[in-house]
Protein backbone atom coordinates (compact mmCIF):
# COMPACT_ATOMS: atom_id res chain seq x y z
CA MET A 1 -48.66 -211.82 -94.64
CA SER A 2 -48.96 -214.70 -92.25
CA GLY A 3 -48.46 -212.36 -89.28
CA ALA A 4 -51.28 -210.07 -90.53
CA GLY A 5 -53.60 -212.98 -91.15
CA ALA A 6 -53.21 -214.48 -87.68
CA PRO A 7 -55.24 -211.79 -85.83
CA LEU A 8 -57.94 -211.98 -88.50
CA THR A 9 -58.16 -215.75 -88.07
CA GLY A 10 -58.40 -215.27 -84.31
CA TYR A 11 -61.25 -212.76 -84.72
CA ARG A 12 -63.14 -215.14 -87.01
CA ALA A 13 -62.73 -217.96 -84.52
CA ALA A 14 -63.96 -215.72 -81.70
CA LEU A 15 -66.98 -214.68 -83.77
CA GLN A 16 -67.75 -218.28 -84.58
CA ARG A 17 -67.63 -219.22 -80.89
CA LEU A 18 -69.76 -216.19 -80.02
CA TYR A 19 -72.29 -217.16 -82.72
CA ALA A 20 -72.44 -220.74 -81.45
CA VAL A 21 -73.23 -219.57 -77.92
CA PHE A 22 -75.74 -217.04 -79.26
CA LEU A 23 -77.49 -219.69 -81.38
CA LYS A 24 -77.63 -222.14 -78.45
CA GLU A 25 -79.13 -219.50 -76.16
CA PHE A 26 -81.62 -218.35 -78.78
CA LEU A 27 -82.81 -221.89 -79.44
CA GLN A 28 -83.25 -222.51 -75.70
CA LEU A 29 -85.18 -219.28 -75.39
CA ARG A 30 -87.45 -220.22 -78.32
CA ARG A 31 -88.17 -223.63 -76.77
CA ASP A 32 -89.08 -222.04 -73.42
CA ARG A 33 -92.72 -221.19 -74.09
CA GLY A 34 -93.16 -219.53 -70.71
CA THR A 35 -90.39 -217.03 -71.33
CA MET A 36 -91.56 -216.35 -74.91
CA ALA A 37 -95.10 -215.74 -73.66
CA MET A 38 -93.78 -213.34 -71.05
CA ILE A 39 -91.71 -211.44 -73.64
CA VAL A 40 -94.82 -210.88 -75.76
CA PHE A 41 -97.55 -210.67 -73.11
CA ILE A 42 -96.06 -208.26 -70.56
CA PRO A 43 -95.43 -205.33 -72.97
CA LEU A 44 -98.91 -205.82 -74.43
CA MET A 45 -100.50 -205.99 -71.01
CA GLN A 46 -98.73 -202.82 -69.88
CA LEU A 47 -99.76 -201.03 -73.06
CA MET A 48 -103.41 -202.07 -72.74
CA LEU A 49 -103.62 -201.27 -69.02
CA PHE A 50 -101.96 -197.85 -69.27
CA GLY A 51 -103.77 -197.03 -72.47
CA TYR A 52 -107.30 -198.06 -71.55
CA ALA A 53 -107.58 -198.77 -67.82
CA ILE A 54 -105.65 -195.97 -66.16
CA ASN A 55 -107.53 -192.69 -65.66
CA THR A 56 -106.18 -189.86 -63.50
CA ASP A 57 -109.42 -187.86 -63.78
CA PRO A 58 -112.00 -190.34 -62.43
CA LYS A 59 -115.71 -189.76 -62.98
CA HIS A 60 -119.00 -191.33 -61.96
CA LEU A 61 -117.75 -191.62 -58.38
CA PRO A 62 -120.27 -193.10 -55.90
CA THR A 63 -121.90 -190.28 -53.94
CA ALA A 64 -124.54 -189.89 -51.21
CA LEU A 65 -126.81 -186.88 -51.52
CA LEU A 66 -128.36 -185.42 -48.37
CA VAL A 67 -130.98 -182.80 -49.29
CA GLN A 68 -132.51 -181.11 -46.24
CA ASP A 69 -134.44 -178.43 -48.14
CA ASP A 70 -137.47 -179.16 -50.35
CA GLY A 71 -137.43 -175.77 -52.07
CA PRO A 72 -137.31 -175.38 -55.87
CA LEU A 73 -133.74 -174.04 -55.92
CA ALA A 74 -132.46 -176.89 -53.75
CA ARG A 75 -134.23 -179.41 -55.96
CA SER A 76 -132.72 -177.84 -59.05
CA VAL A 77 -129.22 -178.02 -57.56
CA ALA A 78 -129.75 -181.65 -56.56
CA ALA A 79 -130.95 -182.52 -60.08
CA ALA A 80 -127.85 -180.87 -61.57
CA LEU A 81 -125.56 -182.84 -59.29
CA ARG A 82 -127.27 -186.05 -60.36
CA MET A 83 -126.62 -185.15 -64.03
CA THR A 84 -122.90 -184.29 -63.72
CA ASP A 85 -120.35 -186.84 -64.91
CA TYR A 86 -118.31 -186.73 -61.73
CA PHE A 87 -120.94 -188.06 -59.34
CA ALA A 88 -122.94 -191.28 -59.41
CA ILE A 89 -125.64 -190.73 -56.81
CA LYS A 90 -126.11 -194.13 -55.15
CA ARG A 91 -129.06 -193.04 -53.10
CA ALA A 92 -130.29 -190.18 -50.94
CA ALA A 93 -128.88 -190.36 -47.43
CA LYS A 94 -131.54 -190.42 -44.71
CA SER A 95 -129.46 -188.49 -42.16
CA GLU A 96 -125.98 -187.25 -41.44
CA GLU A 97 -125.34 -190.44 -39.47
CA ASP A 98 -126.43 -192.56 -42.41
CA ALA A 99 -124.13 -190.59 -44.76
CA ASP A 100 -121.20 -190.96 -42.33
CA ARG A 101 -121.70 -194.72 -42.25
CA MET A 102 -121.70 -194.92 -46.03
CA ILE A 103 -118.39 -193.06 -46.41
CA ARG A 104 -116.76 -194.95 -43.52
CA SER A 105 -117.67 -198.32 -45.03
CA ASN A 106 -116.32 -197.36 -48.50
CA GLU A 107 -119.81 -197.41 -49.98
CA VAL A 108 -119.42 -193.86 -51.31
CA GLN A 109 -116.57 -191.53 -52.12
CA PHE A 110 -118.45 -188.27 -51.49
CA ILE A 111 -121.30 -186.86 -49.42
CA ILE A 112 -123.01 -183.69 -50.68
CA GLU A 113 -125.19 -181.97 -48.13
CA ILE A 114 -127.67 -179.22 -49.08
CA PRO A 115 -128.74 -177.43 -45.84
CA ALA A 116 -132.31 -177.01 -44.62
CA ASP A 117 -132.47 -173.25 -45.20
CA PHE A 118 -130.81 -173.26 -48.62
CA ASP A 119 -133.59 -171.52 -50.60
CA ARG A 120 -134.33 -168.89 -47.96
CA ARG A 121 -130.70 -167.89 -47.42
CA LEU A 122 -129.94 -167.86 -51.17
CA VAL A 123 -132.90 -165.56 -51.95
CA HIS A 124 -131.79 -163.24 -49.15
CA GLY A 125 -128.28 -163.09 -50.61
CA ASP A 126 -126.67 -164.85 -47.64
CA ARG A 127 -124.67 -167.34 -49.78
CA PRO A 128 -125.76 -170.66 -48.20
CA ALA A 129 -123.03 -173.26 -47.76
CA VAL A 130 -123.25 -176.59 -49.55
CA LEU A 131 -121.03 -179.15 -47.82
CA LEU A 132 -119.02 -181.61 -49.91
CA ILE A 133 -117.41 -184.30 -47.74
CA ALA A 134 -114.72 -186.22 -49.63
CA ASP A 135 -113.03 -189.46 -48.73
CA ALA A 136 -109.49 -188.13 -49.12
CA THR A 137 -107.70 -191.42 -48.51
CA ASP A 138 -107.28 -191.23 -52.29
CA PRO A 139 -106.71 -187.47 -52.80
CA THR A 140 -106.29 -187.67 -56.60
CA ALA A 141 -109.94 -188.60 -56.98
CA THR A 142 -111.27 -185.41 -55.37
CA VAL A 143 -109.78 -182.56 -57.41
CA GLY A 144 -111.95 -182.91 -60.53
CA ALA A 145 -115.05 -183.71 -58.48
CA VAL A 146 -114.86 -180.39 -56.58
CA ALA A 147 -114.66 -178.43 -59.84
CA GLY A 148 -117.51 -180.53 -61.25
CA ALA A 149 -119.75 -179.77 -58.26
CA ASN A 150 -119.08 -176.06 -58.48
CA GLY A 151 -119.84 -176.01 -62.22
CA ALA A 152 -123.04 -178.07 -61.90
CA MET A 153 -124.50 -175.97 -59.09
CA ALA A 154 -123.55 -172.64 -60.70
CA GLY A 155 -125.11 -173.73 -64.00
CA ALA A 156 -128.35 -174.83 -62.31
CA LEU A 157 -128.76 -171.59 -60.37
CA SER A 158 -127.95 -169.41 -63.37
CA ARG A 159 -130.98 -170.94 -65.10
CA GLU A 160 -133.20 -170.52 -62.04
CA LEU A 161 -132.21 -167.04 -60.98
CA THR A 162 -134.18 -164.93 -63.42
CA GLY A 163 -136.42 -161.88 -63.14
CA PRO A 164 -136.14 -160.24 -59.72
CA LEU A 165 -133.57 -162.84 -58.64
CA ALA A 166 -131.25 -162.18 -61.59
CA ARG A 167 -129.15 -159.85 -59.46
CA LEU A 168 -128.03 -162.81 -57.34
CA ALA A 169 -126.40 -164.45 -60.38
CA GLN A 170 -124.13 -161.44 -60.92
CA GLY A 171 -120.64 -161.32 -59.46
CA ALA A 172 -119.61 -164.00 -57.02
CA ALA A 173 -121.43 -167.33 -56.89
CA PRO A 174 -124.65 -167.07 -54.82
CA PHE A 175 -123.58 -170.13 -52.79
CA GLU A 176 -120.47 -171.37 -51.06
CA LEU A 177 -119.07 -174.85 -51.61
CA ARG A 178 -117.33 -176.03 -48.48
CA VAL A 179 -115.03 -179.00 -49.00
CA GLN A 180 -114.28 -181.22 -46.05
CA ALA A 181 -111.48 -183.68 -46.86
CA ARG A 182 -111.84 -186.48 -44.39
CA TYR A 183 -109.14 -188.86 -43.23
CA ASN A 184 -106.40 -186.95 -45.11
CA PRO A 185 -107.21 -183.22 -44.84
CA ALA A 186 -103.77 -182.10 -46.05
CA ALA A 187 -103.99 -184.42 -49.11
CA GLU A 188 -100.64 -185.96 -48.21
CA ALA A 189 -99.66 -188.59 -50.78
CA ARG A 190 -97.79 -190.68 -48.18
CA ARG A 191 -101.03 -191.32 -46.30
CA ASN A 192 -102.34 -193.03 -49.41
CA ILE A 193 -99.16 -194.69 -50.64
CA VAL A 194 -97.57 -195.97 -47.41
CA PRO A 195 -100.55 -198.10 -46.25
CA GLY A 196 -100.80 -199.42 -49.81
CA LEU A 197 -97.15 -200.48 -49.73
CA ILE A 198 -98.00 -203.02 -47.05
CA GLY A 199 -100.23 -204.82 -49.54
CA THR A 200 -97.91 -204.53 -52.55
CA ILE A 201 -94.81 -205.65 -50.68
CA LEU A 202 -96.60 -208.63 -49.14
CA THR A 203 -98.08 -209.58 -52.52
CA MET A 204 -94.68 -209.52 -54.24
CA THR A 205 -92.68 -211.33 -51.56
CA MET A 206 -95.30 -213.96 -50.63
CA LEU A 207 -95.86 -214.87 -54.29
CA ILE A 208 -92.19 -215.26 -55.00
CA TYR A 209 -91.37 -217.19 -51.81
CA THR A 210 -93.97 -219.92 -52.32
CA SER A 211 -93.94 -220.00 -56.11
CA LEU A 212 -90.38 -221.34 -55.89
CA SER A 213 -91.04 -223.85 -53.12
CA VAL A 214 -92.15 -226.94 -55.06
CA THR A 215 -90.05 -226.30 -58.17
CA LYS A 216 -87.00 -225.87 -55.95
CA GLU A 217 -87.63 -229.27 -54.42
CA ILE A 218 -88.02 -230.85 -57.85
CA GLU A 219 -84.87 -229.24 -59.29
CA ARG A 220 -82.78 -230.24 -56.25
CA GLY A 221 -84.15 -233.78 -56.33
CA THR A 222 -85.45 -233.59 -52.76
CA MET A 223 -89.13 -234.00 -53.63
CA GLU A 224 -88.86 -237.80 -53.48
CA THR A 225 -87.45 -237.57 -49.94
CA LEU A 226 -90.29 -235.28 -48.94
CA LEU A 227 -92.91 -237.61 -50.42
CA SER A 228 -91.42 -240.65 -48.68
CA MET A 229 -92.36 -239.10 -45.33
CA PRO A 230 -95.71 -240.19 -43.80
CA VAL A 231 -97.46 -236.87 -44.58
CA ARG A 232 -100.47 -236.00 -46.72
CA PRO A 233 -100.36 -233.42 -49.54
CA VAL A 234 -102.34 -230.86 -47.54
CA GLU A 235 -99.87 -231.24 -44.65
CA ILE A 236 -96.94 -230.69 -47.01
CA MET A 237 -98.58 -227.59 -48.38
CA LEU A 238 -99.40 -226.14 -44.94
CA GLY A 239 -95.92 -227.02 -43.69
CA LYS A 240 -94.41 -225.06 -46.55
CA ILE A 241 -96.78 -222.12 -46.21
CA LEU A 242 -96.79 -221.54 -42.46
CA PRO A 243 -93.14 -220.35 -42.13
CA TYR A 244 -93.87 -217.65 -44.73
CA VAL A 245 -96.93 -216.56 -42.78
CA ALA A 246 -94.51 -215.73 -39.99
CA VAL A 247 -92.22 -213.97 -42.48
CA GLY A 248 -95.14 -211.92 -43.73
CA ALA A 249 -96.11 -210.97 -40.19
CA VAL A 250 -92.57 -209.74 -39.57
CA GLN A 251 -92.67 -207.72 -42.79
CA MET A 252 -95.99 -206.20 -41.81
CA THR A 253 -94.62 -205.20 -38.40
CA ILE A 254 -91.55 -203.58 -39.94
CA ILE A 255 -93.62 -201.59 -42.44
CA LEU A 256 -96.10 -200.44 -39.78
CA LEU A 257 -93.26 -199.25 -37.55
CA VAL A 258 -91.61 -197.37 -40.39
CA ALA A 259 -94.95 -195.90 -41.49
CA THR A 260 -95.75 -194.53 -38.02
CA LEU A 261 -92.28 -193.54 -36.82
CA PHE A 262 -90.73 -192.13 -39.99
CA PHE A 263 -93.65 -191.18 -42.25
CA HIS A 264 -96.01 -190.24 -39.40
CA VAL A 265 -98.96 -192.15 -40.92
CA PRO A 266 -101.44 -192.75 -38.10
CA ILE A 267 -103.15 -196.02 -37.19
CA MET A 268 -106.63 -194.75 -36.29
CA GLY A 269 -108.17 -198.21 -36.04
CA SER A 270 -107.42 -201.26 -33.99
CA LEU A 271 -104.53 -203.66 -34.59
CA ALA A 272 -106.97 -206.39 -33.52
CA THR A 273 -108.78 -205.67 -36.79
CA LEU A 274 -105.75 -205.14 -39.05
CA ILE A 275 -103.60 -208.11 -37.99
CA PRO A 276 -106.03 -211.01 -38.65
CA LEU A 277 -107.17 -209.49 -41.95
CA THR A 278 -103.50 -209.07 -42.97
CA LEU A 279 -102.79 -212.71 -42.08
CA LEU A 280 -105.77 -213.72 -44.22
CA PHE A 281 -104.33 -211.67 -47.12
CA ILE A 282 -100.90 -213.29 -46.64
CA VAL A 283 -102.42 -216.80 -46.83
CA ALA A 284 -104.28 -215.83 -50.00
CA ASN A 285 -101.06 -214.81 -51.74
CA LEU A 286 -99.13 -217.79 -50.44
CA SER A 287 -101.82 -220.10 -51.86
CA ILE A 288 -101.62 -218.46 -55.26
CA GLY A 289 -97.82 -218.70 -55.22
CA TYR A 290 -98.03 -222.37 -54.22
CA THR A 291 -100.42 -223.00 -57.13
CA PHE A 292 -97.92 -221.42 -59.53
CA SER A 293 -95.15 -223.66 -58.11
CA THR A 294 -97.21 -226.79 -58.92
CA ILE A 295 -97.85 -225.61 -62.51
CA ALA A 296 -94.36 -224.43 -63.41
CA SER A 297 -91.70 -226.87 -64.55
CA ASN A 298 -88.82 -224.81 -63.18
CA GLN A 299 -88.08 -221.85 -60.94
CA MET A 300 -87.84 -219.42 -63.84
CA GLN A 301 -91.34 -220.22 -64.98
CA ALA A 302 -92.67 -219.96 -61.41
CA PHE A 303 -91.09 -216.50 -61.10
CA GLN A 304 -92.58 -215.44 -64.43
CA MET A 305 -96.07 -216.53 -63.39
CA SER A 306 -95.72 -214.63 -60.13
CA PHE A 307 -94.71 -211.46 -61.98
CA MET A 308 -97.58 -211.76 -64.44
CA PHE A 309 -99.96 -211.95 -61.49
CA PHE A 310 -98.27 -209.11 -59.58
CA LEU A 311 -98.29 -206.59 -62.45
CA PRO A 312 -102.08 -206.34 -62.89
CA SER A 313 -102.48 -206.52 -59.13
CA MET A 314 -100.40 -203.39 -58.75
CA LEU A 315 -102.04 -201.51 -61.63
CA LEU A 316 -105.69 -202.49 -61.22
CA SER A 317 -106.03 -202.56 -57.41
CA GLY A 318 -106.14 -198.82 -56.79
CA PHE A 319 -102.58 -198.65 -55.44
CA LEU A 320 -101.24 -196.18 -58.03
CA PHE A 321 -104.42 -194.87 -59.64
CA PRO A 322 -107.99 -194.35 -58.42
CA PHE A 323 -109.82 -197.68 -58.65
CA ARG A 324 -113.20 -196.09 -59.29
CA GLY A 325 -111.76 -194.09 -62.18
CA MET A 326 -111.08 -197.20 -64.25
CA PRO A 327 -113.57 -198.52 -66.82
CA ASP A 328 -116.01 -201.22 -65.73
CA TRP A 329 -114.08 -204.07 -67.32
CA ALA A 330 -110.90 -203.06 -65.47
CA GLN A 331 -112.80 -202.76 -62.17
CA ASP A 332 -114.25 -206.22 -62.76
CA ILE A 333 -110.74 -207.65 -63.14
CA GLY A 334 -109.51 -205.67 -60.15
CA ALA A 335 -112.38 -206.97 -57.99
CA ILE A 336 -111.05 -210.51 -58.42
CA LEU A 337 -107.59 -209.60 -57.12
CA PRO A 338 -106.98 -209.91 -53.35
CA LEU A 339 -104.81 -206.74 -53.27
CA THR A 340 -107.80 -204.60 -54.28
CA HIS A 341 -109.77 -205.62 -51.20
CA TYR A 342 -106.80 -205.52 -48.88
CA LEU A 343 -105.92 -201.97 -49.92
CA ARG A 344 -109.39 -200.84 -48.94
CA ILE A 345 -109.05 -202.68 -45.65
CA VAL A 346 -105.63 -201.36 -44.64
CA ARG A 347 -106.41 -197.75 -45.66
CA SER A 348 -109.79 -197.87 -43.90
CA VAL A 349 -108.32 -199.26 -40.67
CA MET A 350 -105.28 -196.96 -40.61
CA LEU A 351 -106.87 -193.72 -41.82
CA LYS A 352 -110.58 -194.06 -40.96
CA GLY A 353 -110.50 -196.21 -37.87
CA SER A 354 -112.88 -198.73 -39.49
CA GLY A 355 -113.76 -201.98 -37.76
CA PHE A 356 -114.94 -205.41 -38.93
CA SER A 357 -118.51 -204.24 -39.39
CA ASP A 358 -117.39 -201.51 -41.81
CA LEU A 359 -115.23 -203.91 -43.80
CA SER A 360 -117.60 -206.85 -44.15
CA THR A 361 -117.79 -206.69 -47.97
CA ASP A 362 -114.03 -206.64 -48.57
CA THR A 363 -113.37 -209.14 -45.76
CA GLY A 364 -115.87 -211.55 -47.28
CA ALA A 365 -114.35 -211.17 -50.76
CA LEU A 366 -110.86 -211.74 -49.36
CA ALA A 367 -111.96 -214.82 -47.40
CA LEU A 368 -113.68 -216.26 -50.46
CA PHE A 369 -110.57 -215.72 -52.60
CA THR A 370 -108.38 -217.33 -49.93
CA LEU A 371 -110.62 -220.40 -49.75
CA ALA A 372 -110.67 -220.76 -53.55
CA ALA A 373 -106.89 -220.27 -53.80
CA MET A 374 -106.16 -222.88 -51.10
CA THR A 375 -108.54 -225.36 -52.70
CA LEU A 376 -106.90 -224.86 -56.09
CA ALA A 377 -103.41 -225.15 -54.64
CA ILE A 378 -104.20 -228.45 -52.88
CA SER A 379 -105.88 -229.83 -56.00
CA ARG A 380 -102.93 -228.87 -58.22
CA PHE A 381 -100.43 -230.33 -55.79
CA ARG A 382 -102.27 -233.65 -55.74
CA GLN A 383 -102.23 -233.73 -59.55
CA THR A 384 -98.49 -233.03 -59.48
CA LEU A 385 -97.93 -235.99 -57.18
CA ASP A 386 -100.00 -238.24 -59.44
């Protein structure tokens, strides 16, 4: 009996020790408010974003309409395009050059051009061509819009072509919709994803690097040594950030080399435009990470804050899903994030050949965010020292 009871006693002792460790870990987890908040908040945030913000069939996409015919049929087609859900007509383009400028500067996603002889050619049965120029840097946003344009124009003409013109509505469509996919004519996903990876990788790494910088000093007990040096808080911050600016520049160089040599993604624009704007983006993320490091009490909390900032950045910036397909509230949140503006910049420079003048809006937003983030980081660091 004693021999049979010995293993049972050993099992009970092992279970008691296991329970003691489990209870200790559970109590520590419950006391860590940052971890508990992350456990609850991240699944809820993912559920809300995927359930309400993500839309793979975007509508109300900004469009420039260039109508070169004042005939009744052309006006009817233009009115139908204005009414469809897929296009949000920003304004009528004054010329082809004006329309090109609008699509190059990311002001519109589409240009729809109705030719000068539309009515005459349609009445004669010559099937006039309506040109739809799509910004294909995000190819997923164009599929539904093409079908929507075809349906809207066909519906408008079916109502107009009555009496002697009814014969034109029979059989094939009395017009031809020509789609010109600019900047990514083959709709290759890598041309959209690979430039975006520059922004997402830099966001993730820069946030993590600097978010651990101050908390690491505190946990190691070296912060007092650092503060005893004759340096000001802003000098400490810049001294910690600048090495990671160099690291980010190296990462950018590696990604660009891989993108061009292995994935054959072109760089149509100038590196003199891309490099300074990328450095500005790097500083913005480093400043946010540094702010997190001054708020967090340990490295784990700093990492959690960085992840909670990175997740909406990845989902609401237009990296994985069309930005303009999201509801207004999601676009408003995305517009605050630096990754949103940098993705437009890097894709425009690499695929469109855009310059500073075309990117003024996103460059200004990124610069404003960087200034605000650096100001907040310095303010928080001073409060930490006090």
